[in-house]
C-alpha atoms as a PDB file:
ATOM      1  CA  MET A   1     -29.805  -8.014  12.649  1.00  0.00           C
ATOM      2  CA  PHE A   2     -27.183  -9.791  14.762  1.00  0.00           C
ATOM      3  CA  PHE A   3     -25.685 -11.356  11.634  1.00  0.00           C
ATOM      4  CA  LEU A   4     -25.359  -7.938   9.978  1.00  0.00           C
ATOM      5  CA  VAL A   5     -23.586  -6.525  13.049  1.00  0.00           C
ATOM      6  CA  VAL A   6     -21.114  -9.426  13.082  1.00  0.00           C
ATOM      7  CA  LEU A   7     -20.433  -9.018   9.356  1.00  0.00           C
ATOM      8  CA  THR A   8     -19.876  -5.287   9.817  1.00  0.00           C
ATOM      9  CA  ILE A   9     -17.324  -5.921  12.577  1.00  0.00           C
ATOM     10  CA  LEU A  10     -15.544  -8.484  10.404  1.00  0.00           C
ATOM     11  CA  GLN A  11     -15.597  -6.056   7.466  1.00  0.00           C
ATOM     12  CA  ALA A  12     -13.934  -3.423   9.635  1.00  0.00           C
ATOM     13  CA  ALA A  13     -11.202  -5.913  10.535  1.00  0.00           C
ATOM     14  CA  VAL A  14     -10.672  -6.781   6.843  1.00  0.00           C
ATOM     15  CA  TYR A  15     -10.520  -3.071   5.987  1.00  0.00           C
ATOM     16  CA  LEU A  16      -7.897  -2.369   8.664  1.00  0.00           C
ATOM     17  CA  HIS A  17      -5.829  -5.351   7.570  1.00  0.00           C
ATOM     18  CA  GLY A  18      -5.983  -4.163   3.958  1.00  0.00           C
ATOM     19  CA  TYR A  19      -4.921  -0.682   5.045  1.00  0.00           C
ATOM     20  CA  ASN A  20      -1.924  -2.129   6.896  1.00  0.00           C
ATOM     21  CA  LEU A  21      -0.935  -4.127   3.811  1.00  0.00           C
ATOM     22  CA  ALA A  22      -1.157  -1.052   1.566  1.00  0.00           C
ATOM     23  CA  GLN A  23       0.887   0.956   4.068  1.00  0.00           C
ATOM     24  CA  ALA A  24       3.545  -1.775   4.241  1.00  0.00           C
ATOM     25  CA  ALA A  25       3.771  -1.953   0.443  1.00  0.00           C
ATOM     26  CA  ALA A  26       4.216   1.829   0.249  1.00  0.00           C
ATOM     27  CA  ALA A  27       6.957   1.703   2.890  1.00  0.00           C
ATOM     28  CA  VAL A  28       8.788  -1.035   0.967  1.00  0.00           C
ATOM     29  CA  ALA A  29       8.565   1.054  -2.198  1.00  0.00           C
ATOM     30  CA  VAL A  30      10.098   4.051  -0.443  1.00  0.00           C
ATOM     31  CA  GLU A  31      12.905   1.940   1.029  1.00  0.00           C
ATOM     32  CA  GLU A  32      13.832   0.579  -2.410  1.00  0.00           C
ATOM     33  CA  THR A  33      13.516   3.911  -4.216  1.00  0.00           C
ATOM     34  CA  ARG A  34      15.416   5.994  -1.673  1.00  0.00           C
ATOM     35  CA  LEU A  35      18.623   3.978  -2.071  1.00  0.00           C
ATOM     36  CA  TYR A  36      21.566   5.823  -3.591  1.00  0.00           C
ATOM     37  CA  ASP A  37      21.314   3.866  -6.853  1.00  0.00           C
ATOM     38  CA  GLY A  38      17.572   3.139  -6.617  1.00  0.00           C
ATOM     39  CA  GLY A  39      14.906   4.299  -9.009  1.00  0.00           C
ATOM     40  CA  THR A  40      11.150   4.522  -9.267  1.00  0.00           C
ATOM     41  CA  GLY A  41      11.081   1.224 -11.172  1.00  0.00           C
ATOM     42  CA  ASP A  42      12.668  -0.530  -8.189  1.00  0.00           C
ATOM     43  CA  GLY A  43      10.067   0.941  -5.844  1.00  0.00           C
ATOM     44  CA  TYR A  44       7.202   0.057  -8.159  1.00  0.00           C
ATOM     45  CA  ALA A  45       8.402  -3.552  -8.443  1.00  0.00           C
ATOM     46  CA  ALA A  46       8.881  -3.873  -4.675  1.00  0.00           C
ATOM     47  CA  ALA A  47       5.442  -2.429  -3.869  1.00  0.00           C
ATOM     48  CA  SER A  48       3.689  -4.525  -6.504  1.00  0.00           C
ATOM     49  CA  SER A  49       5.375  -7.686  -5.261  1.00  0.00           C
ATOM     50  CA  THR A  50       4.554  -6.954  -1.621  1.00  0.00           C
ATOM     51  CA  ALA A  51       0.915  -6.122  -2.382  1.00  0.00           C
ATOM     52  CA  ALA A  52       0.519  -9.195  -4.594  1.00  0.00           C
ATOM     53  CA  LYS A  53       1.684 -11.408  -1.725  1.00  0.00           C
ATOM     54  CA  SER A  54      -1.267 -10.251   0.377  1.00  0.00           C
ATOM     55  CA  GLY A  55      -3.170 -13.474  -0.244  1.00  0.00           C
ATOM     56  CA  GLY A  56      -6.093 -11.811  -1.991  1.00  0.00           C
ATOM     57  CA  MET A  57      -6.584  -9.120   0.648  1.00  0.00           C
ATOM     58  CA  LEU A  58      -5.853  -6.382  -1.911  1.00  0.00           C
ATOM     59  CA  ASN A  59      -7.387  -6.363  -5.387  1.00  0.00           C
ATOM     60  CA  ASN A  60      -7.070  -3.856  -8.241  1.00  0.00           C
ATOM     61  CA  ILE A  61      -3.710  -2.694  -6.893  1.00  0.00           C
ATOM     62  CA  SER A  62      -2.391   0.660  -8.068  1.00  0.00           C
ATOM     63  CA  VAL A  63       1.147   1.848  -7.273  1.00  0.00           C
ATOM     64  CA  ASN A  64       2.516   5.356  -7.739  1.00  0.00           C
ATOM     65  CA  VAL A  65       6.150   6.126  -6.887  1.00  0.00           C
ATOM     66  CA  SER A  66       7.851   9.488  -7.350  1.00  0.00           C
ATOM     67  CA  ARG A  67      11.394  10.584  -6.653  1.00  0.00           C
ATOM     68  CA  SER A  68      12.965  14.022  -6.679  1.00  0.00           C
ATOM     69  CA  ALA A  69      16.556  14.960  -5.897  1.00  0.00           C
ATOM     70  CA  THR A  70      15.877  14.886  -2.151  1.00  0.00           C
ATOM     71  CA  GLN A  71      12.513  13.194  -1.501  1.00  0.00           C
ATOM     72  CA  VAL A  72      10.738   9.929  -2.330  1.00  0.00           C
ATOM     73  CA  SER A  73       7.028   9.244  -1.972  1.00  0.00           C
ATOM     74  CA  ALA A  74       4.904   6.204  -2.731  1.00  0.00           C
ATOM     75  CA  THR A  75       1.175   5.567  -2.743  1.00  0.00           C
ATOM     76  CA  VAL A  76      -0.425   2.125  -2.925  1.00  0.00           C
ATOM     77  CA  THR A  77      -4.171   1.794  -3.474  1.00  0.00           C
ATOM     78  CA  GLY A  78      -6.283  -1.349  -3.558  1.00  0.00           C
ATOM     79  CA  ASP A  79      -9.759  -2.731  -2.964  1.00  0.00           C
ATOM     80  CA  VAL A  80     -10.465  -5.013  -0.009  1.00  0.00           C
ATOM     81  CA  PRO A  81     -12.775  -8.048  -0.186  1.00  0.00           C
ATOM     82  CA  LEU A  82     -16.389  -7.297   0.685  1.00  0.00           C
ATOM     83  CA  LEU A  83     -18.352  -9.146   3.356  1.00  0.00           C
ATOM     84  CA  VAL A  84     -21.223  -6.670   3.652  1.00  0.00           C
ATOM     85  CA  PRO A  85     -23.182  -6.220   0.420  1.00  0.00           C
ATOM     86  CA  GLY A  86     -23.403  -2.740  -1.028  1.00  0.00           C
ATOM     87  CA  MET A  87     -20.068  -1.504   0.292  1.00  0.00           C
ATOM     88  CA  ASN A  88     -17.136  -0.442  -1.868  1.00  0.00           C
ATOM     89  CA  LEU A  89     -13.982  -0.202   0.212  1.00  0.00           C
ATOM     90  CA  THR A  90     -10.705   1.122  -1.139  1.00  0.00           C
ATOM     91  CA  VAL A  91      -7.599   1.512   1.006  1.00  0.00           C
ATOM     92  CA  THR A  92      -4.652   3.792   0.365  1.00  0.00           C
ATOM     93  CA  GLY A  93      -1.247   3.632   1.986  1.00  0.00           C
ATOM     94  CA  THR A  94       1.338   6.376   1.595  1.00  0.00           C
ATOM     95  CA  ALA A  95       4.931   6.730   2.683  1.00  0.00           C
ATOM     96  CA  SER A  96       7.726   9.184   2.063  1.00  0.00           C
ATOM     97  CA  GLY A  97      11.324   9.677   3.005  1.00  0.00           C
ATOM     98  CA  PRO A  98      14.612  11.325   2.067  1.00  0.00           C
ATOM     99  CA  VAL A  99      16.798  10.079  -0.767  1.00  0.00           C
ATOM    100  CA  GLU A 100      20.160   8.647   0.200  1.00  0.00           C
ATOM    101  CA  ARG A 101      22.770  10.980  -1.193  1.00  0.00           C
ATOM    102  CA  TRP A 102      26.372  11.883  -0.833  1.00  0.00           C
ATOM    103  CA  VAL A 103      26.759  15.319   0.753  1.00  0.00           C
ATOM    104  CA  ASP A 104      30.111  17.118   0.834  1.00  0.00           C
END
């Protein structure tokens, strides 16, 4: 029983770390996409690269970036490694922000 409690605590820490990584990747995607000459491809590449550098903490990474005339949003989803059998943990990080634009 003690071993299961310890594994559950460690799994929670892995989950939170994975969530932070997904959130950081989404924020990077927004920062790249919101630039005046940026596009969704730039955000997708930045988020994918950031998530891939997680050292195996995020698997099955999915990136979705959208940009309108005034707003950018990004969502990064991935699975975290499992320590407790029978659990399926997916984390999602989202970020949004305004597009850089020239206003007269």
